[in-house]
């Protein structure tokens, strides 16, 4: 089998990255430790705007990628906010803006949210993804490529260390 040299569908991509939002680093792999994420290109396991920009990149190639909210975690959905009374929040949860909490809806589905604001005895919760409405600035480097195994393709994810 010929060695794969450029990013295309059904290849396992090993990627080093730094993610900045509004100039602040919010996530990164540690290249000094040989850390990279791995995923199957075309498998829709990473945000669409980043996946699209990786096509054709070669091993060792670096690139700056700007991803708009629509190609990342979406715009802020005003319908993803709810307001509860302070008494509805368990005493174990700090009542501070930014506090993350987990609730369950009527059907038992897990919902992850954050306290957006507290006004009087009301607590406004935000269930949007924390990066909704944000433009993402990536610095990426392709460090390795290999064909995905039939099992990985069937399961839709990389097996072994570094799988994302």
N, C-alpha and C. Protein backbone atom coordinates (compact mmCIF):
# COMPACT_ATOMS: atom_id res chain seq x y z
N UNK A 1 0.86 -1.19 0.00
CA UNK A 1 0.00 0.00 0.00
C UNK A 1 0.89 1.24 0.00
N UNK A 2 0.62 2.19 -0.85
CA UNK A 2 1.41 3.42 -0.92
C UNK A 2 1.19 4.26 0.34
N UNK A 3 2.25 4.93 0.75
CA UNK A 3 2.13 5.81 1.92
C UNK A 3 1.23 7.00 1.57
N UNK A 4 0.34 7.32 2.49
CA UNK A 4 -0.56 8.44 2.28
C UNK A 4 0.19 9.73 2.60
N UNK A 5 0.08 10.72 1.72
CA UNK A 5 0.84 11.96 1.93
C UNK A 5 -0.02 13.20 2.05
N UNK A 6 -1.30 13.13 1.71
CA UNK A 6 -2.17 14.30 1.80
C UNK A 6 -3.50 13.90 2.44
N UNK A 7 -4.06 14.83 3.20
CA UNK A 7 -5.32 14.58 3.92
C UNK A 7 -6.45 14.36 2.93
N UNK A 8 -7.15 13.25 3.11
CA UNK A 8 -8.35 12.94 2.33
C UNK A 8 -9.25 12.06 3.19
N UNK A 9 -10.48 11.84 2.72
CA UNK A 9 -11.44 11.03 3.45
C UNK A 9 -10.90 9.64 3.74
N UNK A 10 -11.31 9.11 4.90
CA UNK A 10 -11.00 7.77 5.36
C UNK A 10 -9.54 7.59 5.76
N UNK A 11 -8.83 8.70 5.96
CA UNK A 11 -7.49 8.63 6.53
C UNK A 11 -7.57 9.04 7.99
N UNK A 12 -6.75 8.38 8.82
CA UNK A 12 -6.59 8.82 10.21
C UNK A 12 -5.57 9.96 10.18
N UNK A 13 -6.00 11.12 10.65
CA UNK A 13 -5.15 12.30 10.69
C UNK A 13 -4.68 12.48 12.13
N UNK A 14 -3.37 12.64 12.31
CA UNK A 14 -2.81 13.03 13.60
C UNK A 14 -2.49 14.51 13.48
N UNK A 15 -3.08 15.31 14.37
CA UNK A 15 -3.04 16.77 14.23
C UNK A 15 -2.62 17.43 15.54
N UNK A 16 -1.61 18.29 15.43
CA UNK A 16 -1.28 19.18 16.54
C UNK A 16 -2.05 20.47 16.29
N UNK A 17 -2.54 21.10 17.36
CA UNK A 17 -3.29 22.34 17.16
C UNK A 17 -3.21 23.23 18.38
N UNK A 18 -3.43 24.50 18.11
CA UNK A 18 -3.68 25.50 19.14
C UNK A 18 -4.96 26.20 18.74
N UNK A 19 -5.87 26.35 19.70
CA UNK A 19 -7.14 27.03 19.44
C UNK A 19 -7.19 28.31 20.25
N UNK A 20 -7.43 29.42 19.53
CA UNK A 20 -7.59 30.72 20.18
C UNK A 20 -8.99 31.26 19.90
N UNK A 21 -9.54 31.91 20.91
CA UNK A 21 -10.81 32.63 20.77
C UNK A 21 -10.56 34.01 21.31
N UNK A 22 -10.80 35.02 20.47
CA UNK A 22 -10.57 36.42 20.84
C UNK A 22 -9.15 36.62 21.36
N UNK A 23 -8.18 35.94 20.70
CA UNK A 23 -6.77 36.10 21.03
C UNK A 23 -6.27 35.27 22.20
N UNK A 24 -7.17 34.60 22.91
CA UNK A 24 -6.78 33.82 24.09
C UNK A 24 -6.72 32.34 23.73
N UNK A 25 -5.61 31.67 24.11
CA UNK A 25 -5.49 30.23 23.89
C UNK A 25 -6.45 29.53 24.84
N UNK A 26 -7.36 28.74 24.27
CA UNK A 26 -8.31 28.03 25.12
C UNK A 26 -8.12 26.51 25.07
N UNK A 27 -7.34 26.02 24.10
CA UNK A 27 -7.04 24.59 24.03
C UNK A 27 -5.85 24.40 23.11
N UNK A 28 -5.06 23.37 23.40
CA UNK A 28 -3.91 23.09 22.55
C UNK A 28 -3.38 21.70 22.86
N UNK A 29 -2.78 21.07 21.86
CA UNK A 29 -2.02 19.86 22.10
C UNK A 29 -0.63 20.30 22.53
N UNK A 30 0.09 19.42 23.19
CA UNK A 30 1.44 19.73 23.65
C UNK A 30 2.44 19.09 22.70
N UNK A 31 2.85 19.86 21.70
CA UNK A 31 3.77 19.34 20.68
C UNK A 31 5.08 18.87 21.28
N UNK A 32 5.53 19.51 22.38
CA UNK A 32 6.81 19.11 23.00
C UNK A 32 6.72 17.70 23.58
N UNK A 33 5.50 17.24 23.84
CA UNK A 33 5.29 15.88 24.36
C UNK A 33 4.84 14.91 23.26
N UNK A 34 4.86 15.40 22.02
CA UNK A 34 4.42 14.57 20.91
C UNK A 34 2.92 14.32 20.93
N UNK A 35 2.18 15.20 21.61
CA UNK A 35 0.73 15.04 21.73
C UNK A 35 0.04 15.52 20.47
N UNK A 36 -0.94 14.74 20.01
CA UNK A 36 -1.75 15.12 18.85
C UNK A 36 -3.11 14.45 19.01
N UNK A 37 -4.12 15.04 18.38
CA UNK A 37 -5.42 14.37 18.33
C UNK A 37 -5.44 13.53 17.06
N UNK A 38 -6.24 12.47 17.08
CA UNK A 38 -6.41 11.63 15.91
C UNK A 38 -7.90 11.50 15.62
N UNK A 39 -8.24 11.53 14.35
CA UNK A 39 -9.62 11.39 13.93
C UNK A 39 -9.64 10.92 12.49
N UNK A 40 -10.78 10.41 12.06
CA UNK A 40 -10.94 9.96 10.68
C UNK A 40 -11.46 11.13 9.86
N UNK A 41 -10.67 11.57 8.89
CA UNK A 41 -11.07 12.68 8.02
C UNK A 41 -12.32 12.30 7.27
N UNK A 42 -13.27 13.22 7.22
CA UNK A 42 -14.54 12.98 6.54
C UNK A 42 -15.57 12.31 7.43
N UNK A 43 -15.19 12.00 8.67
CA UNK A 43 -16.09 11.29 9.58
C UNK A 43 -16.99 12.19 10.40
N UNK A 44 -16.85 13.51 10.20
CA UNK A 44 -17.68 14.49 10.90
C UNK A 44 -17.55 14.41 12.43
N UNK A 45 -16.32 14.10 12.89
CA UNK A 45 -16.10 14.06 14.33
C UNK A 45 -15.41 15.32 14.84
N UNK A 46 -14.98 16.17 13.93
CA UNK A 46 -14.45 17.48 14.31
C UNK A 46 -15.34 18.53 13.66
N UNK A 47 -15.18 19.78 14.08
CA UNK A 47 -16.07 20.81 13.54
C UNK A 47 -15.90 20.93 12.02
N UNK A 48 -17.01 21.14 11.30
CA UNK A 48 -16.99 21.12 9.84
C UNK A 48 -16.02 22.12 9.21
N UNK A 49 -15.94 23.32 9.75
CA UNK A 49 -15.07 24.33 9.16
C UNK A 49 -13.60 23.96 9.23
N UNK A 50 -13.20 23.28 10.29
CA UNK A 50 -11.81 22.84 10.41
C UNK A 50 -11.57 21.64 9.50
N UNK A 51 -12.48 20.68 9.53
CA UNK A 51 -12.30 19.48 8.69
C UNK A 51 -12.15 19.87 7.22
N UNK A 52 -12.97 20.78 6.74
CA UNK A 52 -12.93 21.21 5.34
C UNK A 52 -11.55 21.80 4.98
N UNK A 53 -10.96 22.55 5.90
CA UNK A 53 -9.69 23.23 5.62
C UNK A 53 -8.49 22.29 5.64
N UNK A 54 -8.66 21.08 6.17
CA UNK A 54 -7.54 20.14 6.25
C UNK A 54 -7.31 19.37 4.96
N UNK A 55 -8.34 19.27 4.11
CA UNK A 55 -8.19 18.50 2.87
C UNK A 55 -6.97 18.98 2.08
N UNK A 56 -6.16 18.02 1.64
CA UNK A 56 -4.99 18.33 0.81
C UNK A 56 -3.74 18.70 1.59
N UNK A 57 -3.85 18.94 2.90
CA UNK A 57 -2.64 19.25 3.67
C UNK A 57 -1.74 18.02 3.71
N UNK A 58 -0.44 18.25 3.77
CA UNK A 58 0.52 17.15 3.76
C UNK A 58 1.20 17.02 5.13
N UNK A 59 1.82 15.88 5.35
CA UNK A 59 2.52 15.63 6.62
C UNK A 59 3.58 16.71 6.81
N UNK A 60 3.56 17.32 7.98
CA UNK A 60 4.51 18.39 8.32
C UNK A 60 4.01 19.78 7.97
N UNK A 61 2.93 19.87 7.22
CA UNK A 61 2.40 21.17 6.82
C UNK A 61 1.62 21.82 7.96
N UNK A 62 1.84 23.13 8.12
CA UNK A 62 1.12 23.92 9.12
C UNK A 62 0.22 24.92 8.41
N UNK A 63 -0.83 25.35 9.13
CA UNK A 63 -1.77 26.27 8.50
C UNK A 63 -2.53 27.02 9.60
N UNK A 64 -2.90 28.26 9.31
CA UNK A 64 -3.80 29.04 10.17
C UNK A 64 -5.20 28.88 9.58
N UNK A 65 -6.17 28.57 10.44
CA UNK A 65 -7.54 28.35 9.97
C UNK A 65 -8.48 29.16 10.85
N UNK A 66 -9.31 30.00 10.21
CA UNK A 66 -10.34 30.75 10.92
C UNK A 66 -11.68 30.10 10.61
N UNK A 67 -12.42 29.75 11.68
CA UNK A 67 -13.71 29.07 11.51
C UNK A 67 -14.80 29.95 12.11
N UNK A 68 -15.77 30.31 11.28
CA UNK A 68 -16.89 31.13 11.74
C UNK A 68 -17.83 30.30 12.60
N UNK A 69 -18.65 30.95 13.42
CA UNK A 69 -19.57 30.21 14.28
C UNK A 69 -20.45 29.20 13.52
N UNK A 70 -20.91 29.57 12.33
CA UNK A 70 -21.78 28.68 11.56
C UNK A 70 -21.11 27.39 11.14
N UNK A 71 -19.79 27.39 11.04
CA UNK A 71 -19.03 26.18 10.68
C UNK A 71 -18.37 25.55 11.90
N UNK A 72 -18.76 26.02 13.09
CA UNK A 72 -18.18 25.50 14.32
C UNK A 72 -19.30 25.03 15.25
N UNK A 73 -19.60 25.80 16.28
CA UNK A 73 -20.60 25.40 17.27
C UNK A 73 -21.92 26.16 17.13
N UNK A 74 -22.07 26.87 16.02
CA UNK A 74 -23.32 27.58 15.76
C UNK A 74 -23.39 28.93 16.44
N UNK A 75 -24.42 29.67 16.08
CA UNK A 75 -24.69 30.96 16.71
C UNK A 75 -25.34 30.71 18.06
N UNK A 76 -25.34 31.72 18.91
CA UNK A 76 -26.01 31.62 20.19
C UNK A 76 -27.51 31.52 19.94
N UNK A 77 -28.12 30.48 20.52
CA UNK A 77 -29.55 30.25 20.36
C UNK A 77 -30.29 30.85 21.56
N UNK A 78 -31.08 31.92 21.34
CA UNK A 78 -31.81 32.52 22.45
C UNK A 78 -32.76 31.54 23.14
N UNK A 79 -33.19 30.50 22.42
CA UNK A 79 -34.07 29.50 23.00
C UNK A 79 -33.38 28.51 23.92
N UNK A 80 -32.04 28.61 24.01
CA UNK A 80 -31.28 27.68 24.86
C UNK A 80 -31.02 28.26 26.25
N UNK A 81 -31.77 29.28 26.61
CA UNK A 81 -31.67 29.87 27.95
C UNK A 81 -32.95 29.57 28.71
N UNK A 82 -32.82 29.29 29.99
CA UNK A 82 -34.01 29.17 30.84
C UNK A 82 -33.75 29.94 32.13
N UNK A 83 -34.81 30.35 32.77
CA UNK A 83 -34.69 31.05 34.04
C UNK A 83 -35.35 30.22 35.12
N UNK A 84 -34.63 30.03 36.20
CA UNK A 84 -35.13 29.29 37.36
C UNK A 84 -35.04 30.19 38.58
N UNK A 85 -35.77 29.83 39.62
CA UNK A 85 -35.62 30.50 40.90
C UNK A 85 -34.38 29.98 41.61
N UNK A 86 -33.74 30.82 42.42
CA UNK A 86 -32.57 30.36 43.17
C UNK A 86 -32.88 29.11 43.97
N UNK A 87 -34.10 29.00 44.47
CA UNK A 87 -34.48 27.84 45.29
C UNK A 87 -34.53 26.54 44.47
N UNK A 88 -34.56 26.66 43.13
CA UNK A 88 -34.57 25.48 42.27
C UNK A 88 -33.17 24.92 42.05
N UNK A 89 -32.14 25.66 42.44
CA UNK A 89 -30.75 25.24 42.25
C UNK A 89 -30.27 24.59 43.55
N UNK A 90 -29.71 23.38 43.47
CA UNK A 90 -29.23 22.72 44.70
C UNK A 90 -28.20 23.58 45.44
N UNK A 91 -28.22 23.48 46.78
CA UNK A 91 -27.30 24.27 47.61
C UNK A 91 -25.84 23.97 47.32
N UNK A 92 -25.55 22.81 46.75
CA UNK A 92 -24.16 22.42 46.49
C UNK A 92 -23.56 23.14 45.28
N UNK A 93 -24.38 23.83 44.51
CA UNK A 93 -23.90 24.53 43.31
C UNK A 93 -23.69 26.01 43.65
N UNK A 94 -22.44 26.50 43.46
CA UNK A 94 -22.19 27.93 43.73
C UNK A 94 -23.01 28.82 42.80
N UNK A 95 -23.70 29.77 43.35
CA UNK A 95 -24.52 30.69 42.54
C UNK A 95 -23.65 31.84 42.06
N UNK A 96 -22.86 31.55 41.01
CA UNK A 96 -21.97 32.55 40.42
C UNK A 96 -22.05 32.40 38.91
N UNK A 97 -22.02 33.54 38.21
CA UNK A 97 -22.01 33.51 36.75
C UNK A 97 -20.81 32.69 36.29
N UNK A 98 -21.04 31.82 35.30
CA UNK A 98 -19.97 30.98 34.77
C UNK A 98 -19.94 29.58 35.37
N UNK A 99 -20.61 29.37 36.50
CA UNK A 99 -20.62 28.04 37.12
C UNK A 99 -21.31 27.06 36.18
N UNK A 100 -20.65 25.93 35.93
CA UNK A 100 -21.23 24.91 35.07
C UNK A 100 -22.05 23.95 35.92
N UNK A 101 -23.15 23.46 35.33
CA UNK A 101 -23.97 22.51 36.04
C UNK A 101 -24.63 21.55 35.06
N UNK A 102 -25.06 20.43 35.61
CA UNK A 102 -25.72 19.40 34.81
C UNK A 102 -27.13 19.21 35.34
N UNK A 103 -28.09 19.25 34.44
CA UNK A 103 -29.49 19.02 34.79
C UNK A 103 -30.04 17.91 33.90
N UNK A 104 -31.20 17.45 34.22
CA UNK A 104 -31.89 16.47 33.37
C UNK A 104 -33.24 17.06 32.98
N UNK A 105 -33.61 16.85 31.71
CA UNK A 105 -34.92 17.34 31.27
C UNK A 105 -36.00 16.34 31.67
N UNK A 106 -37.23 16.60 31.27
CA UNK A 106 -38.35 15.76 31.66
C UNK A 106 -38.19 14.31 31.21
N UNK A 107 -37.48 14.08 30.11
CA UNK A 107 -37.30 12.71 29.62
C UNK A 107 -36.03 12.06 30.16
N UNK A 108 -35.33 12.77 31.06
CA UNK A 108 -34.12 12.20 31.67
C UNK A 108 -32.84 12.47 30.90
N UNK A 109 -32.94 13.22 29.79
CA UNK A 109 -31.74 13.55 29.02
C UNK A 109 -30.86 14.52 29.80
N UNK A 110 -29.57 14.28 29.74
CA UNK A 110 -28.59 15.12 30.44
C UNK A 110 -28.39 16.42 29.68
N UNK A 111 -28.44 17.54 30.39
CA UNK A 111 -28.21 18.87 29.81
C UNK A 111 -27.07 19.53 30.55
N UNK A 112 -26.10 20.03 29.80
CA UNK A 112 -24.98 20.74 30.40
C UNK A 112 -25.20 22.23 30.18
N UNK A 113 -25.07 23.01 31.22
CA UNK A 113 -25.29 24.44 31.11
C UNK A 113 -24.38 25.22 32.02
N UNK A 114 -24.52 26.54 31.94
CA UNK A 114 -23.75 27.46 32.76
C UNK A 114 -24.69 28.53 33.29
N UNK A 115 -24.35 29.02 34.46
CA UNK A 115 -25.11 30.15 34.97
C UNK A 115 -24.68 31.38 34.18
N UNK A 116 -25.63 31.99 33.47
CA UNK A 116 -25.34 33.17 32.66
C UNK A 116 -25.38 34.43 33.51
N UNK A 117 -26.42 34.54 34.37
CA UNK A 117 -26.54 35.70 35.24
C UNK A 117 -27.51 35.40 36.36
N UNK A 118 -27.38 36.18 37.41
CA UNK A 118 -28.27 36.08 38.56
C UNK A 118 -28.86 37.46 38.78
N UNK A 119 -30.18 37.53 38.81
CA UNK A 119 -30.88 38.79 39.03
C UNK A 119 -31.91 38.56 40.12
N UNK A 120 -31.69 39.20 41.26
CA UNK A 120 -32.60 39.01 42.39
C UNK A 120 -32.64 37.56 42.79
N UNK A 121 -33.83 36.96 42.78
CA UNK A 121 -33.94 35.55 43.13
C UNK A 121 -34.05 34.65 41.90
N UNK A 122 -33.69 35.20 40.73
CA UNK A 122 -33.76 34.45 39.47
C UNK A 122 -32.35 34.10 38.97
N UNK A 123 -32.22 32.89 38.42
CA UNK A 123 -30.96 32.41 37.86
C UNK A 123 -31.21 32.08 36.39
N UNK A 124 -30.47 32.74 35.50
CA UNK A 124 -30.61 32.49 34.06
C UNK A 124 -29.52 31.50 33.65
N UNK A 125 -29.95 30.36 33.09
CA UNK A 125 -29.04 29.30 32.67
C UNK A 125 -28.90 29.30 31.15
N UNK A 126 -27.68 29.06 30.69
CA UNK A 126 -27.35 29.04 29.26
C UNK A 126 -26.95 27.62 28.89
N UNK A 127 -27.71 27.00 27.97
CA UNK A 127 -27.42 25.64 27.53
C UNK A 127 -26.79 25.60 26.14
N UNK A 128 -26.35 26.76 25.62
CA UNK A 128 -25.59 26.78 24.37
C UNK A 128 -24.22 26.17 24.65
N UNK A 129 -23.58 25.66 23.58
CA UNK A 129 -22.19 25.22 23.72
C UNK A 129 -21.38 26.45 24.15
N UNK A 130 -20.39 26.28 25.02
CA UNK A 130 -19.61 27.45 25.47
C UNK A 130 -18.95 28.24 24.33
N UNK A 131 -18.72 27.61 23.19
CA UNK A 131 -18.10 28.31 22.06
C UNK A 131 -19.11 28.74 20.99
N UNK A 132 -20.40 28.61 21.28
CA UNK A 132 -21.42 29.09 20.34
C UNK A 132 -21.25 30.59 20.14
N UNK A 133 -21.38 31.02 18.90
CA UNK A 133 -21.26 32.44 18.58
C UNK A 133 -19.84 32.95 18.50
N UNK A 134 -18.87 32.08 18.68
CA UNK A 134 -17.46 32.50 18.68
C UNK A 134 -16.79 32.12 17.36
N UNK A 135 -15.89 32.99 16.90
CA UNK A 135 -15.02 32.69 15.78
C UNK A 135 -13.79 31.99 16.35
N UNK A 136 -13.44 30.84 15.78
CA UNK A 136 -12.33 30.04 16.27
C UNK A 136 -11.11 30.23 15.38
N UNK A 137 -9.98 30.46 16.00
CA UNK A 137 -8.71 30.63 15.28
C UNK A 137 -7.82 29.44 15.61
N UNK A 138 -7.58 28.59 14.62
CA UNK A 138 -6.75 27.41 14.81
C UNK A 138 -5.39 27.61 14.16
N UNK A 139 -4.38 27.08 14.80
CA UNK A 139 -3.07 26.88 14.20
C UNK A 139 -2.89 25.37 14.21
N UNK A 140 -2.80 24.76 13.04
CA UNK A 140 -2.77 23.31 12.95
C UNK A 140 -1.52 22.83 12.22
N UNK A 141 -1.11 21.60 12.55
CA UNK A 141 0.00 20.95 11.86
C UNK A 141 -0.33 19.47 11.74
N UNK A 142 -0.30 18.96 10.51
CA UNK A 142 -0.51 17.54 10.27
C UNK A 142 0.79 16.82 10.60
N UNK A 143 0.75 15.88 11.54
CA UNK A 143 1.98 15.19 11.94
C UNK A 143 2.05 13.76 11.42
N UNK A 144 0.91 13.17 11.08
CA UNK A 144 0.92 11.81 10.53
C UNK A 144 -0.39 11.53 9.82
N UNK A 145 -0.34 10.61 8.87
CA UNK A 145 -1.52 10.14 8.15
C UNK A 145 -1.40 8.64 7.97
N UNK A 146 -2.52 7.95 8.06
CA UNK A 146 -2.55 6.52 7.76
C UNK A 146 -3.97 6.15 7.36
N UNK A 147 -4.13 5.08 6.58
CA UNK A 147 -5.48 4.62 6.26
C UNK A 147 -6.18 4.15 7.54
N UNK A 148 -7.46 4.45 7.65
CA UNK A 148 -8.25 3.93 8.76
C UNK A 148 -8.48 2.44 8.51
N UNK A 149 -8.52 1.67 9.59
CA UNK A 149 -8.80 0.24 9.44
C UNK A 149 -10.29 0.05 9.15
N UNK A 150 -10.66 -1.09 8.58
CA UNK A 150 -12.09 -1.34 8.35
C UNK A 150 -12.91 -1.24 9.65
N UNK A 151 -12.35 -1.70 10.75
CA UNK A 151 -13.06 -1.62 12.03
C UNK A 151 -13.26 -0.16 12.46
N UNK A 152 -12.21 0.67 12.30
CA UNK A 152 -12.34 2.09 12.64
C UNK A 152 -13.40 2.76 11.79
N UNK A 153 -13.40 2.45 10.49
CA UNK A 153 -14.41 3.03 9.60
C UNK A 153 -15.81 2.59 10.01
N UNK A 154 -15.97 1.33 10.37
CA UNK A 154 -17.28 0.82 10.78
C UNK A 154 -17.77 1.48 12.07
N UNK A 155 -16.83 1.74 12.99
CA UNK A 155 -17.19 2.35 14.27
C UNK A 155 -17.23 3.87 14.21
N UNK A 156 -16.59 4.46 13.19
CA UNK A 156 -16.61 5.90 13.03
C UNK A 156 -15.62 6.67 13.89
N UNK A 157 -14.65 5.95 14.49
CA UNK A 157 -13.65 6.63 15.30
C UNK A 157 -12.35 5.83 15.30
N UNK A 158 -11.28 6.52 15.71
CA UNK A 158 -9.95 5.91 15.77
C UNK A 158 -9.86 5.06 17.02
N UNK A 159 -9.25 3.91 16.88
CA UNK A 159 -9.01 3.03 18.02
C UNK A 159 -7.58 3.22 18.51
N UNK A 160 -7.37 3.07 19.79
CA UNK A 160 -6.03 3.17 20.35
C UNK A 160 -5.74 4.57 20.86
N UNK A 161 -4.49 4.80 21.32
CA UNK A 161 -4.11 6.09 21.92
C UNK A 161 -4.32 7.26 20.96
N UNK A 162 -4.80 8.36 21.49
CA UNK A 162 -4.94 9.59 20.73
C UNK A 162 -6.23 9.69 19.93
N UNK A 163 -7.03 8.62 19.92
CA UNK A 163 -8.29 8.67 19.16
C UNK A 163 -9.21 9.74 19.70
N UNK A 164 -9.90 10.45 18.80
CA UNK A 164 -10.79 11.57 19.20
C UNK A 164 -12.20 11.22 18.85
